[in-house]
Amino acid sequence: MEITPVIATLLGAGFGALMTLLVAVMVQKVTLKRERQHKLWERRVAVIEDLLKHERNLAHKRRNAMRAPDDDLFLSLNAAFKEADLGKIDANLELYGTPAIRAAHDATWEALRDWMVEFIQWQGHNKRTGPGHEEEVRAEAVRETTKRWPEVEKLSAKADEAYDELARVMRATAIFEPVVNRVNPPNRELPR
């Protein structure tokens, strides 16, 4: 069979249409993948913003408690927890948080919890150091508060370190594209 100009034209048009369709499908797939990645990144950044706002608020309340240790810690922290929708933050962290963010968040929570336990015990002894208590009770309370305060300060510093690490991990995760590092010494927070 001989290929006539009409058949050649039809074959060329058919081949061109097939190639156009394949290219369109491939472009659509790549575009959808990029769009999904961008939406995931946007959600991840939203989680980072909510979590960082909440953790910063807790760190601020803890620092205020260290400056004014006689104030009611529960009222202060209760206000911080009421401001945040913890159920939503935890769910979004579970869905969109990276393992590094979840691990840093867990470490931050554990450090805050350890500090709270020690601080509340210190406050319990500190309340018995004032007038209205027997001399022996006051003397024992003074010894306990003096003995426990360095541990409270140490745990507060650990909580600060855990919060700083969480913020560092969040900043590194929020960077959308790898950054060429021109800083000397290199910034460890930036992905390579």
C-alpha atoms as a PDB file:
ATOM      1  CA  MET A   1       0.000   0.000   0.000  1.00  0.00           C
ATOM      2  CA  GLU A   2       1.224   3.381  -0.976  1.00  0.00           C
ATOM      3  CA  ILE A   3       1.003   6.333   1.438  1.00  0.00           C
ATOM      4  CA  THR A   4      -0.825   9.135  -0.208  1.00  0.00           C
ATOM      5  CA  PRO A   5      -0.546  12.778   0.860  1.00  0.00           C
ATOM      6  CA  VAL A   6      -4.008  12.578   2.443  1.00  0.00           C
ATOM      7  CA  ILE A   7      -3.074   9.520   4.531  1.00  0.00           C
ATOM      8  CA  ALA A   8       0.229  11.124   5.535  1.00  0.00           C
ATOM      9  CA  THR A   9      -1.622  14.246   6.601  1.00  0.00           C
ATOM     10  CA  LEU A  10      -4.122  12.235   8.626  1.00  0.00           C
ATOM     11  CA  LEU A  11      -1.357  10.176  10.249  1.00  0.00           C
ATOM     12  CA  GLY A  12       0.605  13.327  11.103  1.00  0.00           C
ATOM     13  CA  ALA A  13      -2.485  15.035  12.518  1.00  0.00           C
ATOM     14  CA  GLY A  14      -3.366  11.936  14.566  1.00  0.00           C
ATOM     15  CA  PHE A  15       0.184  11.621  15.877  1.00  0.00           C
ATOM     16  CA  GLY A  16       0.244  15.349  16.702  1.00  0.00           C
ATOM     17  CA  ALA A  17      -3.082  15.098  18.526  1.00  0.00           C
ATOM     18  CA  LEU A  18      -1.847  12.088  20.505  1.00  0.00           C
ATOM     19  CA  MET A  19       1.365  13.891  21.499  1.00  0.00           C
ATOM     20  CA  THR A  20      -0.598  17.003  22.477  1.00  0.00           C
ATOM     21  CA  LEU A  21      -2.883  14.883  24.666  1.00  0.00           C
ATOM     22  CA  LEU A  22       0.072  13.126  26.332  1.00  0.00           C
ATOM     23  CA  VAL A  23       1.847  16.419  27.010  1.00  0.00           C
ATOM     24  CA  ALA A  24      -1.357  17.940  28.430  1.00  0.00           C
ATOM     25  CA  VAL A  25      -1.863  14.955  30.758  1.00  0.00           C
ATOM     26  CA  MET A  26       1.761  15.079  31.936  1.00  0.00           C
ATOM     27  CA  VAL A  27       1.598  18.846  32.568  1.00  0.00           C
ATOM     28  CA  GLN A  28      -1.660  18.394  34.485  1.00  0.00           C
ATOM     29  CA  LYS A  29      -0.138  15.673  36.688  1.00  0.00           C
ATOM     30  CA  VAL A  30       2.945  17.749  37.446  1.00  0.00           C
ATOM     31  CA  THR A  31       0.786  20.800  38.193  1.00  0.00           C
ATOM     32  CA  LEU A  32      -1.480  18.837  40.534  1.00  0.00           C
ATOM     33  CA  LYS A  33       1.512  17.360  42.357  1.00  0.00           C
ATOM     34  CA  ARG A  34       3.080  20.798  42.799  1.00  0.00           C
ATOM     35  CA  GLU A  35      -0.250  22.204  43.972  1.00  0.00           C
ATOM     36  CA  ARG A  36      -0.666  19.395  46.536  1.00  0.00           C
ATOM     37  CA  GLN A  37       2.855  19.991  47.833  1.00  0.00           C
ATOM     38  CA  HIS A  38       2.189  23.707  48.118  1.00  0.00           C
ATOM     39  CA  LYS A  39      -1.098  23.142  49.981  1.00  0.00           C
ATOM     40  CA  LEU A  40       0.659  20.734  52.340  1.00  0.00           C
ATOM     41  CA  TRP A  41       3.364  23.331  52.940  1.00  0.00           C
ATOM     42  CA  GLU A  42       0.712  26.014  53.606  1.00  0.00           C
ATOM     43  CA  ARG A  43      -1.010  23.769  56.141  1.00  0.00           C
ATOM     44  CA  ARG A  44       2.313  22.925  57.748  1.00  0.00           C
ATOM     45  CA  VAL A  45       3.133  26.624  58.071  1.00  0.00           C
ATOM     46  CA  ALA A  46      -0.310  27.290  59.574  1.00  0.00           C
ATOM     47  CA  VAL A  47       0.355  24.568  62.172  1.00  0.00           C
ATOM     48  CA  ILE A  48       3.759  26.094  62.867  1.00  0.00           C
ATOM     49  CA  GLU A  49       2.210  29.538  63.359  1.00  0.00           C
ATOM     50  CA  ASP A  50      -0.499  28.277  65.737  1.00  0.00           C
ATOM     51  CA  LEU A  51       1.873  26.096  67.722  1.00  0.00           C
ATOM     52  CA  LEU A  52       4.572  28.752  67.937  1.00  0.00           C
ATOM     53  CA  LYS A  53       2.038  31.340  69.121  1.00  0.00           C
ATOM     54  CA  HIS A  54       0.805  28.964  71.838  1.00  0.00           C
ATOM     55  CA  GLU A  55       4.290  27.899  72.942  1.00  0.00           C
ATOM     56  CA  ARG A  56       5.517  31.497  72.989  1.00  0.00           C
ATOM     57  CA  ASN A  57       2.547  32.436  75.169  1.00  0.00           C
ATOM     58  CA  LEU A  58       3.332  29.580  77.591  1.00  0.00           C
ATOM     59  CA  ALA A  59       7.013  30.572  77.704  1.00  0.00           C
ATOM     60  CA  HIS A  60       5.998  34.159  78.452  1.00  0.00           C
ATOM     61  CA  LYS A  61       3.704  33.017  81.292  1.00  0.00           C
ATOM     62  CA  ARG A  62       6.490  30.820  82.709  1.00  0.00           C
ATOM     63  CA  ARG A  63       8.989  33.690  82.626  1.00  0.00           C
ATOM     64  CA  ASN A  64       6.468  35.961  84.348  1.00  0.00           C
ATOM     65  CA  ALA A  65       5.936  33.286  87.012  1.00  0.00           C
ATOM     66  CA  MET A  66       9.696  33.167  87.600  1.00  0.00           C
ATOM     67  CA  ARG A  67       9.768  36.969  88.048  1.00  0.00           C
ATOM     68  CA  ALA A  68       6.716  37.011  90.338  1.00  0.00           C
ATOM     69  CA  PRO A  69       6.691  33.554  91.952  1.00  0.00           C
ATOM     70  CA  ASP A  70       3.947  34.413  94.446  1.00  0.00           C
ATOM     71  CA  ASP A  71       1.335  34.933  91.696  1.00  0.00           C
ATOM     72  CA  ASP A  72      -1.139  32.163  90.939  1.00  0.00           C
ATOM     73  CA  LEU A  73       0.422  29.978  88.245  1.00  0.00           C
ATOM     74  CA  PHE A  74      -2.826  28.158  87.481  1.00  0.00           C
ATOM     75  CA  LEU A  75      -4.705  31.358  86.648  1.00  0.00           C
ATOM     76  CA  SER A  76      -1.895  32.476  84.395  1.00  0.00           C
ATOM     77  CA  LEU A  77      -1.574  29.167  82.537  1.00  0.00           C
ATOM     78  CA  ASN A  78      -5.333  28.699  82.371  1.00  0.00           C
ATOM     79  CA  ALA A  79      -5.580  31.963  80.435  1.00  0.00           C
ATOM     80  CA  ALA A  80      -2.901  30.741  78.016  1.00  0.00           C
ATOM     81  CA  PHE A  81      -4.668  27.427  77.447  1.00  0.00           C
ATOM     82  CA  LYS A  82      -8.051  29.112  76.951  1.00  0.00           C
ATOM     83  CA  GLU A  83      -6.594  31.339  74.218  1.00  0.00           C
ATOM     84  CA  ALA A  84      -5.429  28.362  72.163  1.00  0.00           C
ATOM     85  CA  ASP A  85      -7.605  25.721  70.545  1.00  0.00           C
ATOM     86  CA  LEU A  86      -5.417  22.844  71.705  1.00  0.00           C
ATOM     87  CA  GLY A  87      -7.572  20.160  70.114  1.00  0.00           C
ATOM     88  CA  LYS A  88      -7.168  21.768  66.712  1.00  0.00           C
ATOM     89  CA  ILE A  89      -3.456  22.421  67.246  1.00  0.00           C
ATOM     90  CA  ASP A  90      -2.830  18.807  68.306  1.00  0.00           C
ATOM     91  CA  ALA A  91      -4.871  17.372  65.428  1.00  0.00           C
ATOM     92  CA  ASN A  92      -3.122  19.556  62.860  1.00  0.00           C
ATOM     93  CA  LEU A  93       0.240  18.769  64.394  1.00  0.00           C
ATOM     94  CA  GLU A  94      -0.550  15.070  64.106  1.00  0.00           C
ATOM     95  CA  LEU A  95      -1.649  15.440  60.466  1.00  0.00           C
ATOM     96  CA  TYR A  96       0.787  17.990  59.079  1.00  0.00           C
ATOM     97  CA  GLY A  97       3.656  18.253  61.536  1.00  0.00           C
ATOM     98  CA  THR A  98       6.964  16.732  60.636  1.00  0.00           C
ATOM     99  CA  PRO A  99       8.477  14.126  62.963  1.00  0.00           C
ATOM    100  CA  ALA A 100      11.098  16.710  63.965  1.00  0.00           C
ATOM    101  CA  ILE A 101       8.425  19.238  64.955  1.00  0.00           C
ATOM    102  CA  ARG A 102       6.431  16.634  66.882  1.00  0.00           C
ATOM    103  CA  ALA A 103       9.550  15.476  68.733  1.00  0.00           C
ATOM    104  CA  ALA A 104      10.561  19.057  69.557  1.00  0.00           C
ATOM    105  CA  HIS A 105       7.001  19.829  70.708  1.00  0.00           C
ATOM    106  CA  ASP A 106       6.983  16.746  72.961  1.00  0.00           C
ATOM    107  CA  ALA A 107      10.339  17.782  74.450  1.00  0.00           C
ATOM    108  CA  THR A 108       9.021  21.315  75.025  1.00  0.00           C
ATOM    109  CA  TRP A 109       5.906  20.004  76.742  1.00  0.00           C
ATOM    110  CA  GLU A 110       7.929  17.646  78.953  1.00  0.00           C
ATOM    111  CA  ALA A 111      10.282  20.451  79.970  1.00  0.00           C
ATOM    112  CA  LEU A 112       7.331  22.734  80.812  1.00  0.00           C
ATOM    113  CA  ARG A 113       5.618  19.951  82.757  1.00  0.00           C
ATOM    114  CA  ASP A 114       8.780  19.187  84.770  1.00  0.00           C
ATOM    115  CA  TRP A 115       9.183  22.881  85.564  1.00  0.00           C
ATOM    116  CA  MET A 116       5.514  23.206  86.598  1.00  0.00           C
ATOM    117  CA  VAL A 117       5.725  20.260  88.987  1.00  0.00           C
ATOM    118  CA  GLU A 118       8.843  21.624  90.692  1.00  0.00           C
ATOM    119  CA  PHE A 119       7.542  25.212  90.722  1.00  0.00           C
ATOM    120  CA  ILE A 120       4.219  24.191  92.278  1.00  0.00           C
ATOM    121  CA  GLN A 121       6.039  22.211  94.960  1.00  0.00           C
ATOM    122  CA  TRP A 122       8.263  25.227  95.614  1.00  0.00           C
ATOM    123  CA  GLN A 123       5.181  27.471  95.850  1.00  0.00           C
ATOM    124  CA  GLY A 124       3.589  25.080  98.350  1.00  0.00           C
ATOM    125  CA  HIS A 125       6.582  25.448 100.650  1.00  0.00           C
ATOM    126  CA  ASN A 126       6.891  29.176  99.991  1.00  0.00           C
ATOM    127  CA  LYS A 127       3.317  29.793 101.180  1.00  0.00           C
ATOM    128  CA  ARG A 128       4.252  28.408 104.598  1.00  0.00           C
ATOM    129  CA  THR A 129       7.184  30.792 105.080  1.00  0.00           C
ATOM    130  CA  GLY A 130       5.037  33.774 106.003  1.00  0.00           C
ATOM    131  CA  PRO A 131       3.360  34.787 109.224  1.00  0.00           C
ATOM    132  CA  GLY A 132       0.534  32.684 110.553  1.00  0.00           C
ATOM    133  CA  HIS A 133       2.546  29.472 110.659  1.00  0.00           C
ATOM    134  CA  GLU A 134       4.424  27.941 113.551  1.00  0.00           C
ATOM    135  CA  GLU A 135       8.104  28.751 113.774  1.00  0.00           C
ATOM    136  CA  GLU A 136       9.168  25.162 113.072  1.00  0.00           C
ATOM    137  CA  VAL A 137       6.918  24.944 110.001  1.00  0.00           C
ATOM    138  CA  ARG A 138       8.239  28.272 108.726  1.00  0.00           C
ATOM    139  CA  ALA A 139      11.859  27.226 109.293  1.00  0.00           C
ATOM    140  CA  GLU A 140      11.347  23.949 107.437  1.00  0.00           C
ATOM    141  CA  ALA A 141       9.528  25.779 104.615  1.00  0.00           C
ATOM    142  CA  VAL A 142      12.390  28.282 104.301  1.00  0.00           C
ATOM    143  CA  ARG A 143      14.905  25.419 104.078  1.00  0.00           C
ATOM    144  CA  GLU A 144      12.813  23.680 101.408  1.00  0.00           C
ATOM    145  CA  THR A 145      12.279  26.829  99.337  1.00  0.00           C
ATOM    146  CA  THR A 146      15.985  27.635  99.512  1.00  0.00           C
ATOM    147  CA  LYS A 147      16.860  24.070  98.518  1.00  0.00           C
ATOM    148  CA  ARG A 148      14.279  23.815  95.710  1.00  0.00           C
ATOM    149  CA  TRP A 149      14.697  27.204  94.007  1.00  0.00           C
ATOM    150  CA  PRO A 150      17.928  26.299  92.130  1.00  0.00           C
ATOM    151  CA  GLU A 151      16.134  23.273  90.675  1.00  0.00           C
ATOM    152  CA  VAL A 152      13.219  25.494  89.622  1.00  0.00           C
ATOM    153  CA  GLU A 153      15.684  27.821  87.882  1.00  0.00           C
ATOM    154  CA  LYS A 154      17.468  24.894  86.233  1.00  0.00           C
ATOM    155  CA  LEU A 155      14.195  23.443  84.927  1.00  0.00           C
ATOM    156  CA  SER A 156      13.143  26.882  83.697  1.00  0.00           C
ATOM    157  CA  ALA A 157      16.398  27.126  81.744  1.00  0.00           C
ATOM    158  CA  LYS A 158      15.761  23.644  80.304  1.00  0.00           C
ATOM    159  CA  ALA A 159      12.289  24.754  79.257  1.00  0.00           C
ATOM    160  CA  ASP A 160      13.839  27.807  77.571  1.00  0.00           C
ATOM    161  CA  GLU A 161      16.264  25.554  75.697  1.00  0.00           C
ATOM    162  CA  ALA A 162      13.452  23.215  74.617  1.00  0.00           C
ATOM    163  CA  TYR A 163      11.384  26.177  73.398  1.00  0.00           C
ATOM    164  CA  ASP A 164      14.380  27.581  71.493  1.00  0.00           C
ATOM    165  CA  GLU A 165      14.946  24.185  69.860  1.00  0.00           C
ATOM    166  CA  LEU A 166      11.268  23.969  68.900  1.00  0.00           C
ATOM    167  CA  ALA A 167      11.413  27.442  67.349  1.00  0.00           C
ATOM    168  CA  ARG A 168      14.602  26.503  65.477  1.00  0.00           C
ATOM    169  CA  VAL A 169      13.040  23.332  64.060  1.00  0.00           C
ATOM    170  CA  MET A 170       9.939  25.261  63.071  1.00  0.00           C
ATOM    171  CA  ARG A 171      11.918  27.963  61.302  1.00  0.00           C
ATOM    172  CA  ALA A 172      13.936  25.367  59.406  1.00  0.00           C
ATOM    173  CA  THR A 173      10.751  23.518  58.410  1.00  0.00           C
ATOM    174  CA  ALA A 174       8.947  26.672  57.280  1.00  0.00           C
ATOM    175  CA  ILE A 175      11.587  27.502  54.666  1.00  0.00           C
ATOM    176  CA  PHE A 176       9.955  26.491  51.394  1.00  0.00           C
ATOM    177  CA  GLU A 177      12.982  26.263  49.146  1.00  0.00           C
ATOM    178  CA  PRO A 178      16.562  25.310  49.961  1.00  0.00           C
ATOM    179  CA  VAL A 179      18.603  28.416  50.496  1.00  0.00           C
ATOM    180  CA  VAL A 180      22.108  28.895  49.180  1.00  0.00           C
ATOM    181  CA  ASN A 181      24.136  29.595  52.264  1.00  0.00           C
ATOM    182  CA  ARG A 182      26.411  32.575  51.860  1.00  0.00           C
ATOM    183  CA  VAL A 183      26.755  33.201  55.585  1.00  0.00           C
ATOM    184  CA  ASN A 184      30.048  32.436  57.261  1.00  0.00           C
ATOM    185  CA  PRO A 185      29.819  30.510  59.587  1.00  0.00           C
ATOM    186  CA  PRO A 186      26.896  28.633  58.012  1.00  0.00           C
ATOM    187  CA  ASN A 187      23.491  28.926  59.629  1.00  0.00           C
ATOM    188  CA  ARG A 188      22.613  25.447  60.943  1.00  0.00           C
ATOM    189  CA  GLU A 189      18.907  26.240  60.802  1.00  0.00           C
ATOM    190  CA  LEU A 190      18.790  26.428  57.017  1.00  0.00           C
ATOM    191  CA  PRO A 191      18.370  23.273  54.955  1.00  0.00           C
ATOM    192  CA  ARG A 192      21.258  22.400  52.706  1.00  0.00           C
END
